């Protein structure tokens, strides 16, 4: 997930630097500059939140496994 987020961030950076669309998204021309950024940031934000949730869930599972069971 981290690699995917990093890749998408690099794609977004290349898009800004070269002013070419690497991921074609149909957006109303009246809001074109804002539209592409909104779509990109929404997607990246979702992936980063998913990554955070997965990290916290793995930590919770590891802690549960580390606690010895009472018998």
Foldseek 3Di string as FASTA:
>chain_A
DVVVLVVLVVQVVCCVVVVDHPDDDDDDPVCVVVVVVVVSVVVSVVVVVVVVVVVVVVVVVVVVVPDDDDD
